[in-house]
Protein backbone atom coordinates (compact mmCIF):
# COMPACT_ATOMS: atom_id res chain seq x y z
CA MET A 1 102.36 33.02 54.86
CA THR A 2 100.51 36.25 55.67
CA SER A 3 96.77 36.69 55.74
CA VAL A 4 95.13 39.46 53.79
CA SER A 5 92.63 41.67 55.62
CA SER A 6 89.25 42.06 53.97
CA THR A 7 88.85 45.66 55.11
CA LYS A 8 90.06 48.43 52.85
CA GLN A 9 92.40 50.94 54.34
CA GLY A 10 93.26 54.41 53.22
CA ARG A 11 91.70 57.80 53.10
CA GLY A 12 87.91 57.64 53.17
CA GLN A 13 87.73 53.85 53.21
CA GLN A 14 86.60 53.43 56.82
CA LYS A 15 83.96 56.11 57.16
CA ARG A 16 81.72 56.22 60.17
CA TYR A 17 78.35 57.88 59.88
CA TRP A 18 77.01 59.71 62.93
CA THR A 19 73.44 59.05 63.97
CA THR A 20 70.94 61.83 64.62
CA ASN A 21 71.03 60.99 68.32
CA GLU A 22 74.84 61.30 68.41
CA ASP A 23 74.65 64.65 66.59
CA THR A 24 72.07 65.90 69.07
CA ILE A 25 74.14 64.87 72.07
CA LEU A 26 77.27 66.44 70.57
CA VAL A 27 75.50 69.77 70.07
CA GLU A 28 73.98 69.59 73.57
CA SER A 29 77.44 68.93 75.02
CA LEU A 30 78.89 71.89 73.13
CA LEU A 31 76.08 74.09 74.45
CA GLU A 32 76.77 72.90 78.00
CA LEU A 33 80.44 73.80 77.64
CA HIS A 34 79.53 77.17 76.18
CA SER A 35 77.38 77.98 79.20
CA ASP A 36 80.26 77.02 81.55
CA SER A 37 82.57 80.05 81.83
CA THR A 38 85.57 77.88 82.73
CA TRP A 39 85.63 76.43 79.20
CA ARG A 40 84.63 79.51 77.25
CA ALA A 41 87.29 81.70 75.65
CA SER A 42 86.91 84.96 73.75
CA ILE A 43 86.87 83.29 70.31
CA GLY A 44 85.79 79.73 71.10
CA PHE A 45 86.69 77.12 73.67
CA LYS A 46 89.80 76.72 75.80
CA ASN A 47 92.36 73.99 75.18
CA GLY A 48 91.23 70.52 76.20
CA TYR A 49 87.56 71.02 75.39
CA LEU A 50 87.54 68.05 72.99
CA GLY A 51 88.59 65.70 75.80
CA LYS A 52 85.79 67.07 77.94
CA ILE A 53 83.30 66.55 75.08
CA GLU A 54 84.54 62.96 74.73
CA VAL A 55 83.89 62.32 78.44
CA MET A 56 80.46 63.97 78.29
CA MET A 57 79.41 61.91 75.27
CA GLU A 58 80.64 58.67 76.85
CA ALA A 59 78.54 59.46 79.94
CA LYS A 60 75.43 60.14 77.85
CA LEU A 61 75.98 57.32 75.35
CA PRO A 62 77.40 54.22 77.01
CA GLY A 63 79.55 52.36 74.52
CA PHE A 64 80.43 55.51 72.57
CA ARG A 65 84.04 54.78 71.72
CA LEU A 66 85.03 57.64 69.45
CA LYS A 67 88.06 59.66 70.44
CA ALA A 68 88.29 63.43 70.68
CA SER A 69 90.86 63.55 67.94
CA PRO A 70 90.28 62.79 65.11
CA HIS A 71 86.62 61.67 65.36
CA ILE A 72 84.87 64.39 67.36
CA GLU A 73 87.16 67.15 66.09
CA SER A 74 86.47 66.18 62.48
CA HIS A 75 82.72 66.03 63.01
CA ILE A 76 82.68 69.46 64.64
CA LYS A 77 84.48 70.86 61.58
CA THR A 78 81.88 69.22 59.35
CA LEU A 79 79.01 70.67 61.39
CA LYS A 80 80.61 74.14 61.26
CA ALA A 81 80.98 73.94 57.49
CA LYS A 82 77.35 72.92 57.06
CA TYR A 83 76.18 75.65 59.44
CA PHE A 84 78.09 78.40 57.65
CA ALA A 85 76.95 77.13 54.23
CA ILE A 86 73.33 77.39 55.36
CA THR A 87 73.66 80.80 57.03
CA ASN A 88 75.48 82.37 54.07
CA CYS A 89 72.68 81.58 51.60
């Protein structure tokens, strides 16, 4: 006999909401990488920057267990979309 899990699975069923503190630390980490010329490329960041962001956030927020892909990558896309929606008004 198999047991049925009480958590729903599927697209959008297990959403995680970022706190204001986590957002702030993510943006600060992105700014730190931007100021470091070894990570800056002509149109964005060099490959591997998400892993570096993951390490930086873990150092600043002990217990932060989100992975670079898909968690941090997805949130950066969301922040970009919100930023461009505001600036294009």
